[in-house]
Structure formats: structure tokens, C-alpha cells
Amino acid sequence: MDIAALSMSLSQMNVRQEASVLVTKKAMDQAENNSASVVKMLEQSVQPHIGRSVDLKG
């Protein structure tokens, strides 16, 4: 194998690896955003005043 072909092959592998890393980072960022949205939604759904007391009059 000549040097030029080897160099091109290594360059292509580097580009593929960088693209893979970027896609993985993007997926991780999206997952983090989704989990933050779920946590926020759960925090808003909590109603601490419900169930604290029982009204026995009536």
C-alpha cells in the first residue's frame, strides 16, 4: 500500500470518528434536555397542600 492511500484511509477514519463523537455528544445533550424537562414537569405536578389535613366538618 502506498503512502498516499494510507494517508487518505487514516484521514477518512479520523473524520468518521469525529462525526461519531459529535453525534454522540448531540444525543447526550438531547437526553439531558429531555430529563431536565421531565424533572421540571414532575416538580410542577407536586401539590404539597393536598392531603395535609382532613375536613371532618360537614
N, C-alpha and C. Protein backbone atom coordinates (compact mmCIF):
# COMPACT_ATOMS: atom_id res chain seq x y z
N MET A 1 0.86 -1.17 0.00
CA MET A 1 0.00 0.00 0.00
C MET A 1 0.90 1.23 0.00
N ASP A 2 0.58 2.17 -0.82
CA ASP A 2 1.42 3.36 -0.88
C ASP A 2 1.03 4.37 0.21
N ILE A 3 1.90 5.32 0.42
CA ILE A 3 1.75 6.31 1.49
C ILE A 3 0.51 7.16 1.28
N ALA A 4 0.22 7.56 0.06
CA ALA A 4 -0.94 8.41 -0.22
C ALA A 4 -2.24 7.70 0.14
N ALA A 5 -2.36 6.45 -0.24
CA ALA A 5 -3.57 5.69 0.07
C ALA A 5 -3.71 5.49 1.58
N LEU A 6 -2.61 5.21 2.24
CA LEU A 6 -2.64 5.05 3.69
C LEU A 6 -3.04 6.35 4.38
N SER A 7 -2.51 7.45 3.91
CA SER A 7 -2.85 8.75 4.47
C SER A 7 -4.33 9.07 4.28
N MET A 8 -4.85 8.80 3.11
CA MET A 8 -6.28 9.05 2.84
C MET A 8 -7.15 8.16 3.71
N SER A 9 -6.75 6.92 3.88
CA SER A 9 -7.51 5.99 4.70
C SER A 9 -7.55 6.45 6.15
N LEU A 10 -6.41 6.86 6.68
CA LEU A 10 -6.36 7.36 8.04
C LEU A 10 -7.18 8.64 8.21
N SER A 11 -7.13 9.49 7.23
CA SER A 11 -7.89 10.74 7.28
C SER A 11 -9.39 10.45 7.30
N GLN A 12 -9.83 9.51 6.49
CA GLN A 12 -11.25 9.14 6.45
C GLN A 12 -11.68 8.54 7.79
N MET A 13 -10.82 7.73 8.38
CA MET A 13 -11.15 7.14 9.68
C MET A 13 -11.27 8.22 10.74
N ASN A 14 -10.39 9.21 10.69
CA ASN A 14 -10.46 10.32 11.65
C ASN A 14 -11.75 11.11 11.50
N VAL A 15 -12.14 11.36 10.27
CA VAL A 15 -13.38 12.12 10.01
C VAL A 15 -14.58 11.32 10.52
N ARG A 16 -14.60 10.02 10.26
CA ARG A 16 -15.70 9.18 10.73
C ARG A 16 -15.76 9.17 12.26
N GLN A 17 -14.60 9.08 12.89
CA GLN A 17 -14.56 9.05 14.35
C GLN A 17 -15.05 10.38 14.92
N GLU A 18 -14.62 11.49 14.35
CA GLU A 18 -15.07 12.80 14.82
C GLU A 18 -16.57 12.96 14.63
N ALA A 19 -17.08 12.50 13.51
CA ALA A 19 -18.53 12.58 13.27
C ALA A 19 -19.28 11.73 14.29
N SER A 20 -18.76 10.57 14.59
CA SER A 20 -19.40 9.69 15.57
C SER A 20 -19.42 10.34 16.94
N VAL A 21 -18.32 10.97 17.31
CA VAL A 21 -18.25 11.64 18.61
C VAL A 21 -19.24 12.80 18.67
N LEU A 22 -19.34 13.56 17.59
CA LEU A 22 -20.27 14.69 17.56
C LEU A 22 -21.72 14.22 17.66
N VAL A 23 -22.04 13.15 16.97
CA VAL A 23 -23.41 12.60 17.04
C VAL A 23 -23.70 12.11 18.46
N THR A 24 -22.74 11.47 19.08
CA THR A 24 -22.92 11.00 20.45
C THR A 24 -23.12 12.17 21.41
N LYS A 25 -22.33 13.23 21.26
CA LYS A 25 -22.49 14.41 22.10
C LYS A 25 -23.86 15.03 21.91
N LYS A 26 -24.31 15.10 20.67
CA LYS A 26 -25.63 15.66 20.38
C LYS A 26 -26.72 14.83 21.04
N ALA A 27 -26.60 13.52 20.98
CA ALA A 27 -27.58 12.64 21.62
C ALA A 27 -27.56 12.81 23.13
N MET A 28 -26.39 12.95 23.71
CA MET A 28 -26.28 13.15 25.16
C MET A 28 -26.90 14.48 25.58
N ASP A 29 -26.67 15.53 24.80
CA ASP A 29 -27.26 16.83 25.10
C ASP A 29 -28.78 16.77 25.03
N GLN A 30 -29.29 16.07 24.02
CA GLN A 30 -30.74 15.93 23.87
C GLN A 30 -31.33 15.15 25.04
N ALA A 31 -30.65 14.09 25.46
CA ALA A 31 -31.12 13.29 26.59
C ALA A 31 -31.11 14.14 27.87
N GLU A 32 -30.09 14.97 28.04
CA GLU A 32 -30.02 15.84 29.21
C GLU A 32 -31.17 16.84 29.21
N ASN A 33 -31.46 17.41 28.05
CA ASN A 33 -32.57 18.36 27.95
C ASN A 33 -33.90 17.67 28.24
N ASN A 34 -34.07 16.46 27.72
CA ASN A 34 -35.31 15.72 27.97
C ASN A 34 -35.48 15.41 29.45
N SER A 35 -34.40 14.98 30.08
CA SER A 35 -34.50 14.66 31.51
C SER A 35 -34.77 15.91 32.34
N ALA A 36 -34.19 17.02 31.95
CA ALA A 36 -34.46 18.27 32.67
C ALA A 36 -35.92 18.67 32.51
N SER A 37 -36.48 18.43 31.34
CA SER A 37 -37.90 18.74 31.12
C SER A 37 -38.79 17.85 31.96
N VAL A 38 -38.43 16.59 32.06
CA VAL A 38 -39.22 15.66 32.87
C VAL A 38 -39.16 16.05 34.34
N VAL A 39 -37.97 16.40 34.83
CA VAL A 39 -37.83 16.82 36.22
C VAL A 39 -38.66 18.07 36.49
N LYS A 40 -38.61 19.02 35.57
CA LYS A 40 -39.38 20.25 35.74
C LYS A 40 -40.88 19.94 35.76
N MET A 41 -41.31 19.06 34.88
CA MET A 41 -42.72 18.69 34.82
C MET A 41 -43.15 18.00 36.12
N LEU A 42 -42.29 17.13 36.65
CA LEU A 42 -42.62 16.45 37.90
C LEU A 42 -42.67 17.42 39.07
N GLU A 43 -41.76 18.39 39.07
CA GLU A 43 -41.76 19.38 40.14
C GLU A 43 -43.03 20.23 40.11
N GLN A 44 -43.52 20.53 38.93
CA GLN A 44 -44.73 21.34 38.81
C GLN A 44 -45.98 20.55 39.17
N SER A 45 -45.92 19.22 39.05
CA SER A 45 -47.11 18.42 39.32
C SER A 45 -47.31 18.16 40.81
N VAL A 46 -46.30 18.43 41.60
CA VAL A 46 -46.40 18.20 43.04
C VAL A 46 -47.28 19.28 43.66
N GLN A 47 -48.24 18.84 44.47
CA GLN A 47 -49.12 19.77 45.16
C GLN A 47 -49.06 19.43 46.65
N PRO A 48 -48.14 20.05 47.38
CA PRO A 48 -47.90 19.66 48.76
C PRO A 48 -49.07 19.94 49.71
N HIS A 49 -49.97 20.83 49.34
CA HIS A 49 -51.08 21.15 50.23
C HIS A 49 -52.17 20.09 50.20
N ILE A 50 -52.22 19.26 49.20
CA ILE A 50 -53.24 18.22 49.10
C ILE A 50 -52.88 17.07 50.04
N GLY A 51 -53.83 16.68 50.85
CA GLY A 51 -53.65 15.54 51.74
C GLY A 51 -53.05 15.89 53.09
N ARG A 52 -52.83 17.15 53.35
CA ARG A 52 -52.26 17.55 54.64
C ARG A 52 -53.27 17.45 55.76
N SER A 53 -54.47 17.83 55.46
CA SER A 53 -55.49 17.84 56.51
C SER A 53 -56.79 17.24 55.97
N VAL A 54 -57.61 16.83 56.91
CA VAL A 54 -58.89 16.23 56.56
C VAL A 54 -59.98 17.11 57.18
N ASP A 55 -60.93 17.49 56.37
CA ASP A 55 -62.04 18.30 56.85
C ASP A 55 -63.12 17.37 57.40
N LEU A 56 -63.29 17.36 58.71
CA LEU A 56 -64.26 16.47 59.35
C LEU A 56 -65.61 17.13 59.57
N LYS A 57 -65.71 18.41 59.24
CA LYS A 57 -66.99 19.11 59.36
C LYS A 57 -67.86 18.77 58.16
N GLY A 58 -69.09 18.69 58.37
CA GLY A 58 -69.89 18.51 57.20
C GLY A 58 -71.04 17.70 57.38
